[in-house]
Structure formats: C-alpha cells, structure tokens
C-alpha cells in the first residue's frame, strides 16, 4: 500500500486532535507528518515536508486557511478545507473541485472527501486546482481582495475600497467607497480576523474601520470618516488609534 503523507492544520487543539483520530482510524495508508495549530508554522512545514494532502481549517487568526494556501511556495498537494460555516466560500471551493468538510465532522463526509482526494493525487493537477481557487477568492500573497459571504453568494471586494464594517444584530454591514453597501451573514468578529494587520482598526465592538479613511478623531469620543459618517470610539482605544494614525 502506497503511503500518502498529510499535514493537518487547525488553530483549535481539540479539533486538530479529533481530526487526527478520525484520519488515522479510517485511512491506514495516510501518514500524518505534522499537526499545526499555528498557520505561520504550517506554511513552513508544508514547504519543508511537501505533503500529498493537507487539511486546512478556514477560520484561523492571523492567516485564514486561504492565506496559508496562498503563501506556500508551491501548493502542489490535494487540499481539504475544514469549516464551521457551510456558506463560507463553499461555492468557490466546489467550483475549483477542491474538497471540504463542515464541522462538526461527519464520518461519512470525511470518508467521501478523503477518498476523492486520494483518487485525485494520481492525476497530478492539485496545483492548478489550488491556483484556480485562489483566483476565484481574490486571494493573493498580498491579499488585495476578500470574498464576502452574502445571501446571494460571494461578493468580491477590494480591501482598499472598504471604508468600514458595522455589526448589526449578528450580521455585518460593509460600506465601500462607491457608497455600495453589502450585508453579510458573518458577524463582525470574522472580519476583524480576516483583515488583521491590514490597516484596519476596531474603535468599538460593533465597528471596524479602514484607517486610510479617518479624517478626524473628535473630542466627544467619535471618529469622522471621509465618507461623512461618524463611528464611536471607546476611551480605552483612543491612544492606540492616535499612535496608529501617526505611523500610517
């Protein structure tokens, strides 16, 4: 039996261990060569070990699963995405013929996804599929765009065009330069993770703003943005915001 090497990536330790147990139980031909709960380490491990198969959690801090895929030197491996949200980028993943499983992981769905991946390994077309997915999602090494899940599907938006995010009853309203507004089923916390280190700032638990559109930090505890809107600024965040603005 030909051995297939695999790397498992998930920032949640219990989820990582649970997936490991299932893979080892049902697929004896798969040798797990690395477990990673840090996406940055995962990138170097993939480049070092060059596995045949990689399981990647989509929702992770610092780098998403898509960021991990975009940052490896040569993504020539079968990919199975793991997600807790069955609406997140699934359309693009399906379109690219890449596998995915939804948490909590169903054994039959796992078996189907892995069986398909094992069959695909011999076809040697993983690089093209991974590249195709990243193109659909607008994900590049510098990540200039993001795919935003909405009720109609995925809306692709340039990060530089986004003025702010506003949390509204568990949903998120995204306001862009052209006055276009998008309502996403994601809560605002997901976007703060997706755009971490992208010159965005959270001045309030319900707001996430693009620093490039900040006009004035007002004394009364609000921020004036270039589109004429104002958002609240909690007192504890004022000094941090001023520091960030001085180094833009």
C-alpha atoms as a PDB file:
ATOM      1  CA  UNK A   1       0.000   0.000   0.000  1.00  0.00           C
ATOM      2  CA  UNK A   2       1.451   3.354  -1.075  1.00  0.00           C
ATOM      3  CA  UNK A   3       1.844   5.751   1.816  1.00  0.00           C
ATOM      4  CA  UNK A   4       0.224   9.172   1.482  1.00  0.00           C
ATOM      5  CA  UNK A   5       1.668  11.958   3.630  1.00  0.00           C
ATOM      6  CA  UNK A   6      -0.628  14.539   5.188  1.00  0.00           C
ATOM      7  CA  UNK A   7      -0.477  17.707   7.280  1.00  0.00           C
ATOM      8  CA  UNK A   8      -3.396  18.787   9.489  1.00  0.00           C
ATOM      9  CA  UNK A   9      -3.881  22.493  10.259  1.00  0.00           C
ATOM     10  CA  UNK A  10      -6.351  23.912  12.801  1.00  0.00           C
ATOM     11  CA  UNK A  11      -5.862  26.586  15.449  1.00  0.00           C
ATOM     12  CA  UNK A  12      -8.152  24.687  17.852  1.00  0.00           C
ATOM     13  CA  UNK A  13      -6.198  21.905  19.557  1.00  0.00           C
ATOM     14  CA  UNK A  14      -9.213  19.682  20.275  1.00  0.00           C
ATOM     15  CA  UNK A  15     -10.448  19.942  16.700  1.00  0.00           C
ATOM     16  CA  UNK A  16      -6.958  19.088  15.432  1.00  0.00           C
ATOM     17  CA  UNK A  17      -6.689  16.030  17.672  1.00  0.00           C
ATOM     18  CA  UNK A  18     -10.201  14.899  16.765  1.00  0.00           C
ATOM     19  CA  UNK A  19      -9.448  15.091  13.048  1.00  0.00           C
ATOM     20  CA  UNK A  20      -6.191  13.209  13.583  1.00  0.00           C
ATOM     21  CA  UNK A  21      -8.011  10.349  15.316  1.00  0.00           C
ATOM     22  CA  UNK A  22     -10.554  10.058  12.514  1.00  0.00           C
ATOM     23  CA  UNK A  23      -7.976  10.107   9.731  1.00  0.00           C
ATOM     24  CA  UNK A  24      -5.810   7.507  11.471  1.00  0.00           C
ATOM     25  CA  UNK A  25      -8.835   5.309  12.180  1.00  0.00           C
ATOM     26  CA  UNK A  26     -10.275   5.239   8.672  1.00  0.00           C
ATOM     27  CA  UNK A  27      -7.242   5.677   6.411  1.00  0.00           C
ATOM     28  CA  UNK A  28      -4.289   3.462   7.293  1.00  0.00           C
ATOM     29  CA  UNK A  29      -2.453   4.474   4.125  1.00  0.00           C
ATOM     30  CA  UNK A  30      -2.239   8.096   5.291  1.00  0.00           C
ATOM     31  CA  UNK A  31       0.812   9.055   7.333  1.00  0.00           C
ATOM     32  CA  UNK A  32       0.297  12.294   9.256  1.00  0.00           C
ATOM     33  CA  UNK A  33       3.687  14.010   9.174  1.00  0.00           C
ATOM     34  CA  UNK A  34       2.728  17.215  11.006  1.00  0.00           C
ATOM     35  CA  UNK A  35      -0.013  18.740  13.167  1.00  0.00           C
ATOM     36  CA  UNK A  36      -0.084  22.544  13.185  1.00  0.00           C
ATOM     37  CA  UNK A  37      -2.223  24.915  15.243  1.00  0.00           C
ATOM     38  CA  UNK A  38      -0.207  27.954  14.147  1.00  0.00           C
ATOM     39  CA  UNK A  39      -0.842  28.887  10.497  1.00  0.00           C
ATOM     40  CA  UNK A  40       2.560  30.580  10.184  1.00  0.00           C
ATOM     41  CA  UNK A  41       4.339  27.388  11.242  1.00  0.00           C
ATOM     42  CA  UNK A  42       2.041  25.423   8.954  1.00  0.00           C
ATOM     43  CA  UNK A  43       3.314  27.353   5.922  1.00  0.00           C
ATOM     44  CA  UNK A  44       6.938  26.467   6.667  1.00  0.00           C
ATOM     45  CA  UNK A  45       6.005  22.843   7.415  1.00  0.00           C
ATOM     46  CA  UNK A  46       4.243  22.462   4.093  1.00  0.00           C
ATOM     47  CA  UNK A  47       7.249  23.905   2.250  1.00  0.00           C
ATOM     48  CA  UNK A  48       9.617  21.662   4.210  1.00  0.00           C
ATOM     49  CA  UNK A  49       7.717  18.356   4.099  1.00  0.00           C
ATOM     50  CA  UNK A  50       5.871  18.715   0.770  1.00  0.00           C
ATOM     51  CA  UNK A  51       2.896  16.535   1.735  1.00  0.00           C
ATOM     52  CA  UNK A  52       0.489  14.833  -0.653  1.00  0.00           C
ATOM     53  CA  UNK A  53      -2.586  16.018   1.243  1.00  0.00           C
ATOM     54  CA  UNK A  54      -3.332  18.991   3.505  1.00  0.00           C
ATOM     55  CA  UNK A  55      -6.366  19.539   5.735  1.00  0.00           C
ATOM     56  CA  UNK A  56      -6.786  23.274   6.425  1.00  0.00           C
ATOM     57  CA  UNK A  57      -9.214  24.994   8.771  1.00  0.00           C
ATOM     58  CA  UNK A  58     -10.573  28.095   7.047  1.00  0.00           C
ATOM     59  CA  UNK A  59     -11.274  30.307  10.065  1.00  0.00           C
ATOM     60  CA  UNK A  60      -7.990  30.948  11.884  1.00  0.00           C
ATOM     61  CA  UNK A  61      -6.441  34.091  13.408  1.00  0.00           C
ATOM     62  CA  UNK A  62      -3.612  35.942  11.641  1.00  0.00           C
ATOM     63  CA  UNK A  63      -3.892  33.844   8.464  1.00  0.00           C
ATOM     64  CA  UNK A  64      -7.019  32.148   7.173  1.00  0.00           C
ATOM     65  CA  UNK A  65      -6.811  28.756   5.514  1.00  0.00           C
ATOM     66  CA  UNK A  66      -6.867  30.537   2.155  1.00  0.00           C
ATOM     67  CA  UNK A  67      -3.942  32.719   3.223  1.00  0.00           C
ATOM     68  CA  UNK A  68      -1.968  29.605   4.163  1.00  0.00           C
ATOM     69  CA  UNK A  69      -2.643  28.123   0.747  1.00  0.00           C
ATOM     70  CA  UNK A  70      -1.600  31.344  -0.985  1.00  0.00           C
ATOM     71  CA  UNK A  71       1.665  31.699   0.947  1.00  0.00           C
ATOM     72  CA  UNK A  72       3.252  28.281   0.435  1.00  0.00           C
ATOM     73  CA  UNK A  73       5.910  28.254  -2.256  1.00  0.00           C
ATOM     74  CA  UNK A  74       4.261  25.646  -4.466  1.00  0.00           C
ATOM     75  CA  UNK A  75       0.796  24.385  -3.462  1.00  0.00           C
ATOM     76  CA  UNK A  76       1.124  21.089  -5.318  1.00  0.00           C
ATOM     77  CA  UNK A  77      -0.949  18.964  -2.926  1.00  0.00           C
ATOM     78  CA  UNK A  78      -4.557  17.894  -2.563  1.00  0.00           C
ATOM     79  CA  UNK A  79      -6.446  20.200  -0.213  1.00  0.00           C
ATOM     80  CA  UNK A  80      -9.414  19.508   2.027  1.00  0.00           C
ATOM     81  CA  UNK A  81     -10.815  22.601   3.714  1.00  0.00           C
ATOM     82  CA  UNK A  82     -12.478  22.346   7.111  1.00  0.00           C
ATOM     83  CA  UNK A  83     -15.051  24.963   8.086  1.00  0.00           C
ATOM     84  CA  UNK A  84     -17.647  25.545  10.774  1.00  0.00           C
ATOM     85  CA  UNK A  85     -19.713  27.624   8.342  1.00  0.00           C
ATOM     86  CA  UNK A  86     -21.280  25.785   5.430  1.00  0.00           C
ATOM     87  CA  UNK A  87     -21.855  29.012   3.479  1.00  0.00           C
ATOM     88  CA  UNK A  88     -18.317  30.378   3.591  1.00  0.00           C
ATOM     89  CA  UNK A  89     -16.664  30.272   0.156  1.00  0.00           C
ATOM     90  CA  UNK A  90     -18.160  26.839  -0.485  1.00  0.00           C
ATOM     91  CA  UNK A  91     -19.292  27.943  -3.939  1.00  0.00           C
ATOM     92  CA  UNK A  92     -15.736  28.829  -4.949  1.00  0.00           C
ATOM     93  CA  UNK A  93     -14.329  25.667  -3.374  1.00  0.00           C
ATOM     94  CA  UNK A  94     -16.796  23.485  -5.270  1.00  0.00           C
ATOM     95  CA  UNK A  95     -16.102  25.371  -8.499  1.00  0.00           C
ATOM     96  CA  UNK A  96     -12.408  24.593  -8.121  1.00  0.00           C
ATOM     97  CA  UNK A  97     -13.066  20.864  -7.493  1.00  0.00           C
ATOM     98  CA  UNK A  98     -11.448  21.012  -4.068  1.00  0.00           C
ATOM     99  CA  UNK A  99     -12.733  19.014  -1.116  1.00  0.00           C
ATOM    100  CA  UNK A 100     -14.265  20.408   2.054  1.00  0.00           C
ATOM    101  CA  UNK A 101     -15.887  19.141   5.239  1.00  0.00           C
ATOM    102  CA  UNK A 102     -18.068  21.008   7.707  1.00  0.00           C
ATOM    103  CA  UNK A 103     -17.611  20.966  11.487  1.00  0.00           C
ATOM    104  CA  UNK A 104     -18.646  19.002  13.444  1.00  0.00           C
ATOM    105  CA  UNK A 105     -17.077  16.484  11.118  1.00  0.00           C
ATOM    106  CA  UNK A 106     -19.384  13.745   9.883  1.00  0.00           C
ATOM    107  CA  UNK A 107     -17.566  10.446   9.377  1.00  0.00           C
ATOM    108  CA  UNK A 108     -19.218   9.713   6.030  1.00  0.00           C
ATOM    109  CA  UNK A 109     -18.453  13.203   4.691  1.00  0.00           C
ATOM    110  CA  UNK A 110     -14.838  12.821   5.806  1.00  0.00           C
ATOM    111  CA  UNK A 111     -14.548   9.434   4.093  1.00  0.00           C
ATOM    112  CA  UNK A 112     -16.002  10.825   0.865  1.00  0.00           C
ATOM    113  CA  UNK A 113     -13.705  13.882   0.845  1.00  0.00           C
ATOM    114  CA  UNK A 114     -10.571  11.876   1.608  1.00  0.00           C
ATOM    115  CA  UNK A 115     -11.414   9.111  -0.868  1.00  0.00           C
ATOM    116  CA  UNK A 116     -11.845  11.714  -3.607  1.00  0.00           C
ATOM    117  CA  UNK A 117      -8.576  13.392  -2.627  1.00  0.00           C
ATOM    118  CA  UNK A 118      -6.688  10.090  -2.701  1.00  0.00           C
ATOM    119  CA  UNK A 119      -8.034   9.361  -6.172  1.00  0.00           C
ATOM    120  CA  UNK A 120      -7.041  12.839  -7.339  1.00  0.00           C
ATOM    121  CA  UNK A 121      -3.459  12.604  -6.097  1.00  0.00           C
ATOM    122  CA  UNK A 122      -2.525  10.386  -9.032  1.00  0.00           C
ATOM    123  CA  UNK A 123      -3.909  12.948 -11.500  1.00  0.00           C
ATOM    124  CA  UNK A 124      -1.209  15.486 -10.556  1.00  0.00           C
ATOM    125  CA  UNK A 125      -3.487  18.503 -11.046  1.00  0.00           C
ATOM    126  CA  UNK A 126      -3.613  19.822  -7.485  1.00  0.00           C
ATOM    127  CA  UNK A 127      -1.535  22.912  -8.248  1.00  0.00           C
ATOM    128  CA  UNK A 128      -3.937  24.062 -10.959  1.00  0.00           C
ATOM    129  CA  UNK A 129      -6.975  23.499  -8.700  1.00  0.00           C
ATOM    130  CA  UNK A 130      -5.461  25.377  -5.763  1.00  0.00           C
ATOM    131  CA  UNK A 131      -4.415  28.258  -8.010  1.00  0.00           C
ATOM    132  CA  UNK A 132      -7.905  28.374  -9.525  1.00  0.00           C
ATOM    133  CA  UNK A 133      -9.496  28.599  -6.070  1.00  0.00           C
ATOM    134  CA  UNK A 134      -7.266  31.484  -5.012  1.00  0.00           C
ATOM    135  CA  UNK A 135      -8.125  33.326  -8.198  1.00  0.00           C
ATOM    136  CA  UNK A 136     -11.850  32.860  -7.536  1.00  0.00           C
ATOM    137  CA  UNK A 137     -11.483  34.152  -3.998  1.00  0.00           C
ATOM    138  CA  UNK A 138      -9.281  37.070  -4.969  1.00  0.00           C
ATOM    139  CA  UNK A 139      -6.623  35.825  -2.554  1.00  0.00           C
ATOM    140  CA  UNK A 140      -3.021  36.553  -3.444  1.00  0.00           C
ATOM    141  CA  UNK A 141       0.127  36.810  -1.413  1.00  0.00           C
ATOM    142  CA  UNK A 142      -0.631  40.451  -0.716  1.00  0.00           C
ATOM    143  CA  UNK A 143      -4.355  39.718  -0.344  1.00  0.00           C
ATOM    144  CA  UNK A 144      -5.787  42.728  -2.149  1.00  0.00           C
ATOM    145  CA  UNK A 145      -9.381  41.440  -2.133  1.00  0.00           C
ATOM    146  CA  UNK A 146     -11.694  39.382   0.047  1.00  0.00           C
ATOM    147  CA  UNK A 147     -14.706  37.220  -0.663  1.00  0.00           C
ATOM    148  CA  UNK A 148     -17.669  38.291   1.463  1.00  0.00           C
ATOM    149  CA  UNK A 149     -20.449  35.720   2.008  1.00  0.00           C
ATOM    150  CA  UNK A 150     -23.915  37.195   1.443  1.00  0.00           C
ATOM    151  CA  UNK A 151     -27.417  35.784   0.978  1.00  0.00           C
ATOM    152  CA  UNK A 152     -26.791  35.670  -2.793  1.00  0.00           C
ATOM    153  CA  UNK A 153     -23.344  34.053  -2.706  1.00  0.00           C
ATOM    154  CA  UNK A 154     -19.838  35.506  -2.600  1.00  0.00           C
ATOM    155  CA  UNK A 155     -19.246  39.201  -3.232  1.00  0.00           C
ATOM    156  CA  UNK A 156     -15.627  40.065  -4.075  1.00  0.00           C
ATOM    157  CA  UNK A 157     -14.435  43.447  -2.832  1.00  0.00           C
ATOM    158  CA  UNK A 158     -11.084  45.217  -2.946  1.00  0.00           C
ATOM    159  CA  UNK A 159      -9.833  45.756   0.595  1.00  0.00           C
ATOM    160  CA  UNK A 160      -8.694  49.275  -0.302  1.00  0.00           C
ATOM    161  CA  UNK A 161     -12.284  50.175  -1.270  1.00  0.00           C
ATOM    162  CA  UNK A 162     -13.782  49.215   2.092  1.00  0.00           C
ATOM    163  CA  UNK A 163     -14.396  52.184   4.398  1.00  0.00           C
ATOM    164  CA  UNK A 164     -15.829  50.379   7.392  1.00  0.00           C
ATOM    165  CA  UNK A 165     -17.697  47.406   8.834  1.00  0.00           C
ATOM    166  CA  UNK A 166     -20.636  47.779  11.183  1.00  0.00           C
ATOM    167  CA  UNK A 167     -22.106  44.954  13.265  1.00  0.00           C
ATOM    168  CA  UNK A 168     -25.901  44.789  13.060  1.00  0.00           C
ATOM    169  CA  UNK A 169     -27.741  42.132  15.105  1.00  0.00           C
ATOM    170  CA  UNK A 170     -25.282  39.342  14.355  1.00  0.00           C
ATOM    171  CA  UNK A 171     -24.792  40.405  10.732  1.00  0.00           C
ATOM    172  CA  UNK A 172     -22.253  42.837   9.294  1.00  0.00           C
ATOM    173  CA  UNK A 173     -22.840  45.834   7.051  1.00  0.00           C
ATOM    174  CA  UNK A 174     -19.885  46.690   4.806  1.00  0.00           C
ATOM    175  CA  UNK A 175     -19.676  50.247   3.478  1.00  0.00           C
ATOM    176  CA  UNK A 176     -17.448  50.853   0.433  1.00  0.00           C
ATOM    177  CA  UNK A 177     -16.048  53.882  -1.396  1.00  0.00           C
ATOM    178  CA  UNK A 178     -18.699  53.893  -4.123  1.00  0.00           C
ATOM    179  CA  UNK A 179     -21.407  54.069  -1.401  1.00  0.00           C
ATOM    180  CA  UNK A 180     -22.163  50.434  -2.085  1.00  0.00           C
ATOM    181  CA  UNK A 181     -23.353  48.567   0.999  1.00  0.00           C
ATOM    182  CA  UNK A 182     -23.141  44.809   1.472  1.00  0.00           C
ATOM    183  CA  UNK A 183     -24.916  42.872   4.206  1.00  0.00           C
ATOM    184  CA  UNK A 184     -23.011  39.749   5.208  1.00  0.00           C
ATOM    185  CA  UNK A 185     -24.124  36.793   7.289  1.00  0.00           C
ATOM    186  CA  UNK A 186     -20.739  36.904   9.028  1.00  0.00           C
ATOM    187  CA  UNK A 187     -20.534  38.623  12.388  1.00  0.00           C
ATOM    188  CA  UNK A 188     -18.053  41.462  12.635  1.00  0.00           C
ATOM    189  CA  UNK A 189     -15.540  39.371  14.579  1.00  0.00           C
ATOM    190  CA  UNK A 190     -14.862  37.275  11.495  1.00  0.00           C
ATOM    191  CA  UNK A 191     -13.849  40.331   9.507  1.00  0.00           C
ATOM    192  CA  UNK A 192     -11.531  41.594  12.235  1.00  0.00           C
ATOM    193  CA  UNK A 193      -9.681  38.280  11.965  1.00  0.00           C
ATOM    194  CA  UNK A 194      -9.663  38.271   8.170  1.00  0.00           C
ATOM    195  CA  UNK A 195      -8.219  41.796   7.945  1.00  0.00           C
ATOM    196  CA  UNK A 196      -5.852  41.721  10.869  1.00  0.00           C
ATOM    197  CA  UNK A 197      -2.668  43.672  10.066  1.00  0.00           C
ATOM    198  CA  UNK A 198      -4.365  45.318   7.057  1.00  0.00           C
ATOM    199  CA  UNK A 199      -4.552  48.908   8.388  1.00  0.00           C
ATOM    200  CA  UNK A 200      -7.972  48.337   9.890  1.00  0.00           C
ATOM    201  CA  UNK A 201      -8.881  49.234  13.466  1.00  0.00           C
ATOM    202  CA  UNK A 202     -11.682  48.343  15.863  1.00  0.00           C
ATOM    203  CA  UNK A 203     -12.665  51.531  17.770  1.00  0.00           C
ATOM    204  CA  UNK A 204     -15.769  49.899  19.223  1.00  0.00           C
ATOM    205  CA  UNK A 205     -17.085  46.341  19.493  1.00  0.00           C
ATOM    206  CA  UNK A 206     -19.596  46.989  16.676  1.00  0.00           C
ATOM    207  CA  UNK A 207     -17.281  48.893  14.320  1.00  0.00           C
ATOM    208  CA  UNK A 208     -14.168  48.096  12.278  1.00  0.00           C
ATOM    209  CA  UNK A 209     -12.707  50.897  10.157  1.00  0.00           C
ATOM    210  CA  UNK A 210     -10.153  51.409   7.408  1.00  0.00           C
ATOM    211  CA  UNK A 211      -7.542  53.798   8.834  1.00  0.00           C
ATOM    212  CA  UNK A 212      -6.948  55.307   5.398  1.00  0.00           C
ATOM    213  CA  UNK A 213     -10.418  56.904   5.581  1.00  0.00           C
ATOM    214  CA  UNK A 214     -10.062  58.522   9.019  1.00  0.00           C
ATOM    215  CA  UNK A 215     -10.459  62.325   8.889  1.00  0.00           C
ATOM    216  CA  UNK A 216     -10.740  63.488  12.482  1.00  0.00           C
ATOM    217  CA  UNK A 217     -10.650  61.992  15.963  1.00  0.00           C
ATOM    218  CA  UNK A 218     -13.233  64.125  17.725  1.00  0.00           C
ATOM    219  CA  UNK A 219     -13.135  65.087  21.403  1.00  0.00           C
ATOM    220  CA  UNK A 220     -16.599  63.773  22.142  1.00  0.00           C
ATOM    221  CA  UNK A 221     -15.477  60.171  21.516  1.00  0.00           C
ATOM    222  CA  UNK A 222     -16.234  59.703  17.835  1.00  0.00           C
ATOM    223  CA  UNK A 223     -14.276  59.339  14.608  1.00  0.00           C
ATOM    224  CA  UNK A 224     -15.133  61.276  11.456  1.00  0.00           C
ATOM    225  CA  UNK A 225     -14.541  59.324   8.247  1.00  0.00           C
ATOM    226  CA  UNK A 226     -14.028  60.660   4.732  1.00  0.00           C
ATOM    227  CA  UNK A 227     -17.454  59.485   3.544  1.00  0.00           C
ATOM    228  CA  UNK A 228     -19.095  61.813   6.093  1.00  0.00           C
ATOM    229  CA  UNK A 229     -20.008  59.098   8.584  1.00  0.00           C
ATOM    230  CA  UNK A 230     -19.063  59.044  12.265  1.00  0.00           C
ATOM    231  CA  UNK A 231     -18.367  55.990  14.388  1.00  0.00           C
ATOM    232  CA  UNK A 232     -17.950  55.717  18.169  1.00  0.00           C
ATOM    233  CA  UNK A 233     -14.520  55.480  19.779  1.00  0.00           C
ATOM    234  CA  UNK A 234     -14.249  53.936  23.232  1.00  0.00           C
ATOM    235  CA  UNK A 235     -11.967  55.862  25.576  1.00  0.00           C
ATOM    236  CA  UNK A 236      -9.559  52.957  26.095  1.00  0.00           C
ATOM    237  CA  UNK A 237      -8.840  52.786  22.339  1.00  0.00           C
ATOM    238  CA  UNK A 238      -8.130  56.491  21.757  1.00  0.00           C
ATOM    239  CA  UNK A 239      -4.373  56.421  22.434  1.00  0.00           C
ATOM    240  CA  UNK A 240      -3.891  53.304  20.323  1.00  0.00           C
ATOM    241  CA  UNK A 241      -5.709  54.888  17.393  1.00  0.00           C
ATOM    242  CA  UNK A 242      -3.663  58.090  17.597  1.00  0.00           C
ATOM    243  CA  UNK A 243      -0.454  56.057  17.626  1.00  0.00           C
ATOM    244  CA  UNK A 244      -1.530  54.064  14.574  1.00  0.00           C
ATOM    245  CA  UNK A 245      -2.526  57.173  12.648  1.00  0.00           C
ATOM    246  CA  UNK A 246       0.855  58.780  13.287  1.00  0.00           C
ATOM    247  CA  UNK A 247       2.606  55.827  11.645  1.00  0.00           C
ATOM    248  CA  UNK A 248       0.434  55.358   8.552  1.00  0.00           C
END
